Amino acid sequence: MNLQPYSGLRAYLLGTSQAGASQANASGGRWSVERTLFDRAAGTRGTFTGVVVFSETDDGGQLRFHEEGTVRWPDSGGGTFTGPAMRDYLLKPTDSPDALDMTFPDGRPFHRMSFSEDASQDRHWCDPDTYRVRYSLLGPDAFSYAWDVAGPRKDLLLESVLRRQPAAHEGEQIGSYA
C-alpha cells in the first residue's frame, strides 16, 4: 500500500500533518510498537512491546527517536527472559520531505527512512552482517518496518508495527506504556 497522507515524513511521525492522520488521535509523536523477533539459525522467537516517541530537537529540523519497552526472549535454561529495553536515534532532514536519514546518537549513519516506493528499502553494514530494512505505510495512523539481518554472526527477521497513540497527558512519562 503506497499511501501518501502526509505533508512530509517528519509531520507524519509527529502527528502534525495537515491531511491524513486522524487529528482526533494527534499523538505529539507517540506510537505503540509491537515487534516480533525471529532468530532463524536457532529457531527461537521473541517479542518486544513498548512505545516510540518522535520529538523535535533544537537542531535544524531533526527528530529524536526514543524507544522503550519490554523484550521477551527464550533463555538458555528453557524459560523466558523478560526485561526492559530501550534505544535512541536521530532523524535528519534530507533533500526530500518524504525521507529522513536515521543516525546513531553519536552521529554515525544508520539508514534512510521513507515510505516512498523508490526509497522504502535501505541497508546497513554492521561488520560482518548486513541489515536490510523495508518500510511500509499501513494507513494514516500505522506503519511497519522489517529488518532482515544476514551474515556469519546473525540470521534474524525483526518485524515491527507502530500505531499512533493518543497524545500523552501533561506530566505523563514515556515509561507508562505498560
Protein backbone atom coordinates (compact mmCIF):
# COMPACT_ATOMS: atom_id res chain seq x y z
CA MET A 1 0.00 0.00 0.00
CA ASN A 2 1.57 3.26 -1.06
CA LEU A 3 -0.48 5.97 0.66
CA GLN A 4 0.91 9.48 0.90
CA PRO A 5 -1.39 11.03 3.56
CA TYR A 6 1.16 13.42 4.99
CA SER A 7 2.82 16.67 4.05
CA GLY A 8 6.16 15.08 4.78
CA LEU A 9 7.58 12.20 6.79
CA ARG A 10 8.55 14.46 9.68
CA ALA A 11 4.99 15.82 10.01
CA TYR A 12 3.55 12.31 9.74
CA LEU A 13 5.73 10.98 12.57
CA LEU A 14 4.96 13.97 14.80
CA GLY A 15 1.23 13.82 14.06
CA THR A 16 1.20 17.36 12.69
CA SER A 17 0.29 16.69 9.06
CA GLN A 18 -2.49 18.74 7.54
CA ALA A 19 -4.12 15.78 5.82
CA GLY A 20 -4.37 12.12 6.57
CA ALA A 21 -3.53 11.48 10.19
CA SER A 22 -6.57 11.48 12.38
CA GLN A 23 -6.39 14.80 14.18
CA ALA A 24 -8.51 13.31 16.96
CA ASN A 25 -5.61 10.94 17.51
CA ALA A 26 -2.87 13.57 17.19
CA SER A 27 -0.19 11.94 19.27
CA GLY A 28 2.54 14.50 19.53
CA GLY A 29 4.76 11.80 18.03
CA ARG A 30 3.82 8.96 20.38
CA TRP A 31 3.43 5.47 18.86
CA SER A 32 2.92 2.00 20.31
CA VAL A 33 5.28 -0.62 18.89
CA GLU A 34 4.93 -4.39 18.68
CA ARG A 35 7.89 -6.33 17.30
CA THR A 36 8.41 -9.99 16.60
CA LEU A 37 11.97 -11.29 16.80
CA PHE A 38 12.92 -14.46 14.95
CA ASP A 39 16.39 -16.00 15.11
CA ARG A 40 16.24 -18.21 12.02
CA ALA A 41 19.50 -20.01 12.85
CA ALA A 42 18.40 -21.08 16.34
CA GLY A 43 14.67 -21.29 15.58
CA THR A 44 13.84 -19.08 18.57
CA ARG A 45 11.19 -16.39 18.72
CA GLY A 46 10.67 -13.44 20.99
CA THR A 47 8.78 -10.17 21.22
CA PHE A 48 9.24 -6.52 22.07
CA THR A 49 6.33 -4.33 23.14
CA GLY A 50 6.63 -0.68 24.00
CA VAL A 51 6.42 2.94 22.92
CA VAL A 52 8.29 5.05 20.38
CA VAL A 53 8.31 8.82 20.80
CA PHE A 54 9.39 11.11 17.96
CA SER A 55 10.19 14.58 19.31
CA GLU A 56 11.65 17.75 17.90
CA THR A 57 15.18 18.82 18.68
CA ASP A 58 16.73 22.30 18.71
CA ASP A 59 18.98 21.37 15.79
CA GLY A 60 17.76 22.20 12.28
CA GLY A 61 14.58 20.16 11.95
CA GLN A 62 15.95 16.92 13.35
CA LEU A 63 13.76 14.50 15.27
CA ARG A 64 14.73 12.41 18.25
CA PHE A 65 13.58 8.75 18.13
CA HIS A 66 13.28 7.20 21.59
CA GLU A 67 12.01 3.66 22.07
CA GLU A 68 11.49 1.78 25.29
CA GLY A 69 9.58 -1.26 26.33
CA THR A 70 9.82 -4.89 27.35
CA VAL A 71 11.63 -7.65 25.49
CA ARG A 72 10.77 -11.31 25.91
CA TRP A 73 13.31 -13.85 24.65
CA PRO A 74 13.91 -17.56 25.35
CA ASP A 75 16.77 -18.08 27.78
CA SER A 76 19.29 -20.92 27.82
CA GLY A 77 17.55 -22.61 30.77
CA GLY A 78 14.32 -23.22 28.85
CA GLY A 79 12.50 -20.27 30.38
CA THR A 80 11.90 -16.78 29.08
CA PHE A 81 13.96 -13.69 29.81
CA THR A 82 11.72 -10.65 30.30
CA GLY A 83 13.31 -7.26 30.78
CA PRO A 84 13.50 -3.62 29.80
CA ALA A 85 14.98 -2.47 26.52
CA MET A 86 15.48 0.98 25.01
CA ARG A 87 17.25 2.71 22.15
CA ASP A 88 17.71 6.17 20.72
CA TYR A 89 18.37 7.56 17.24
CA LEU A 90 18.31 10.91 15.46
CA LEU A 91 16.36 11.52 12.25
CA LYS A 92 17.84 14.18 9.99
CA PRO A 93 16.14 16.02 7.12
CA THR A 94 17.09 15.07 3.56
CA ASP A 95 16.53 16.77 0.22
CA SER A 96 13.12 15.03 0.07
CA PRO A 97 10.28 15.75 2.52
CA ASP A 98 9.33 12.06 2.26
CA ALA A 99 12.60 10.77 3.73
CA LEU A 100 14.72 11.16 6.86
CA ASP A 101 18.26 9.90 7.48
CA MET A 102 18.47 7.91 10.71
CA THR A 103 21.72 8.16 12.64
CA PHE A 104 23.01 6.75 15.88
CA PRO A 105 23.12 9.25 18.79
CA ASP A 106 26.84 9.84 18.16
CA GLY A 107 26.10 10.88 14.55
CA ARG A 108 27.19 7.71 12.73
CA PRO A 109 24.90 6.98 9.77
CA PHE A 110 22.40 4.14 10.11
CA HIS A 111 19.89 4.16 7.23
CA ARG A 112 17.27 6.18 5.34
CA MET A 113 13.64 6.03 6.43
CA SER A 114 10.97 6.56 3.77
CA PHE A 115 7.61 5.22 2.62
CA SER A 116 8.18 6.31 -0.98
CA GLU A 117 8.05 3.41 -3.42
CA ASP A 118 11.53 4.15 -4.76
CA ALA A 119 13.13 4.70 -1.32
CA SER A 120 11.32 2.44 1.17
CA GLN A 121 14.22 -0.03 1.32
CA ASP A 122 17.72 0.52 2.62
CA ARG A 123 20.62 -1.39 4.12
CA HIS A 124 23.20 -1.03 6.85
CA TRP A 125 26.50 -2.88 7.12
CA CYS A 126 27.39 -3.87 10.69
CA ASP A 127 30.56 -5.89 10.23
CA PRO A 128 30.26 -8.73 9.39
CA ASP A 129 26.46 -8.75 8.94
CA THR A 130 24.13 -6.92 6.56
CA TYR A 131 20.91 -5.35 7.80
CA ARG A 132 18.20 -4.73 5.18
CA VAL A 133 15.12 -2.70 6.07
CA ARG A 134 11.81 -2.13 4.32
CA TYR A 135 9.25 0.45 5.46
CA SER A 136 5.52 0.17 4.68
CA LEU A 137 2.82 2.74 5.30
CA LEU A 138 -0.25 0.89 6.59
CA GLY A 139 -2.51 3.93 6.82
CA PRO A 140 -2.71 7.40 8.35
CA ASP A 141 -2.09 6.08 11.87
CA ALA A 142 0.10 3.00 11.37
CA PHE A 143 3.28 1.86 9.65
CA SER A 144 5.60 -1.10 9.75
CA TYR A 145 9.20 -1.95 9.07
CA ALA A 146 11.08 -5.21 8.82
CA TRP A 147 14.79 -5.85 9.30
CA ASP A 148 16.24 -8.88 7.55
CA VAL A 149 19.66 -9.46 9.10
CA ALA A 150 22.05 -11.91 7.44
CA GLY A 151 25.69 -12.77 7.83
CA PRO A 152 28.09 -15.08 9.59
CA ARG A 153 27.01 -13.90 13.07
CA LYS A 154 23.28 -13.27 12.67
CA ASP A 155 20.30 -14.63 10.79
CA LEU A 156 17.34 -12.61 12.09
CA LEU A 157 13.97 -11.31 11.00
CA LEU A 158 12.68 -8.39 13.09
CA GLU A 159 9.21 -7.14 12.18
CA SER A 160 7.70 -4.04 13.82
CA VAL A 161 4.27 -2.43 13.63
CA LEU A 162 3.79 1.08 15.01
CA ARG A 163 0.37 2.59 15.75
CA ARG A 164 -0.26 6.22 16.61
CA GLN A 165 -1.33 6.74 20.24
CA PRO A 166 -3.46 9.48 21.71
CA ALA A 167 -1.45 12.45 22.98
CA ALA A 168 0.12 11.96 26.40
CA HIS A 169 -1.44 13.91 29.22
CA GLU A 170 0.53 16.66 30.93
CA GLY A 171 3.29 15.12 33.04
CA GLU A 172 2.83 11.59 31.65
CA GLN A 173 6.14 9.83 31.09
CA ILE A 174 7.13 7.54 28.22
CA GLY A 175 7.56 4.65 30.67
CA SER A 176 3.81 4.45 31.21
CA TYR A 177 3.41 2.19 28.16
CA ALA A 178 2.70 -0.97 30.14
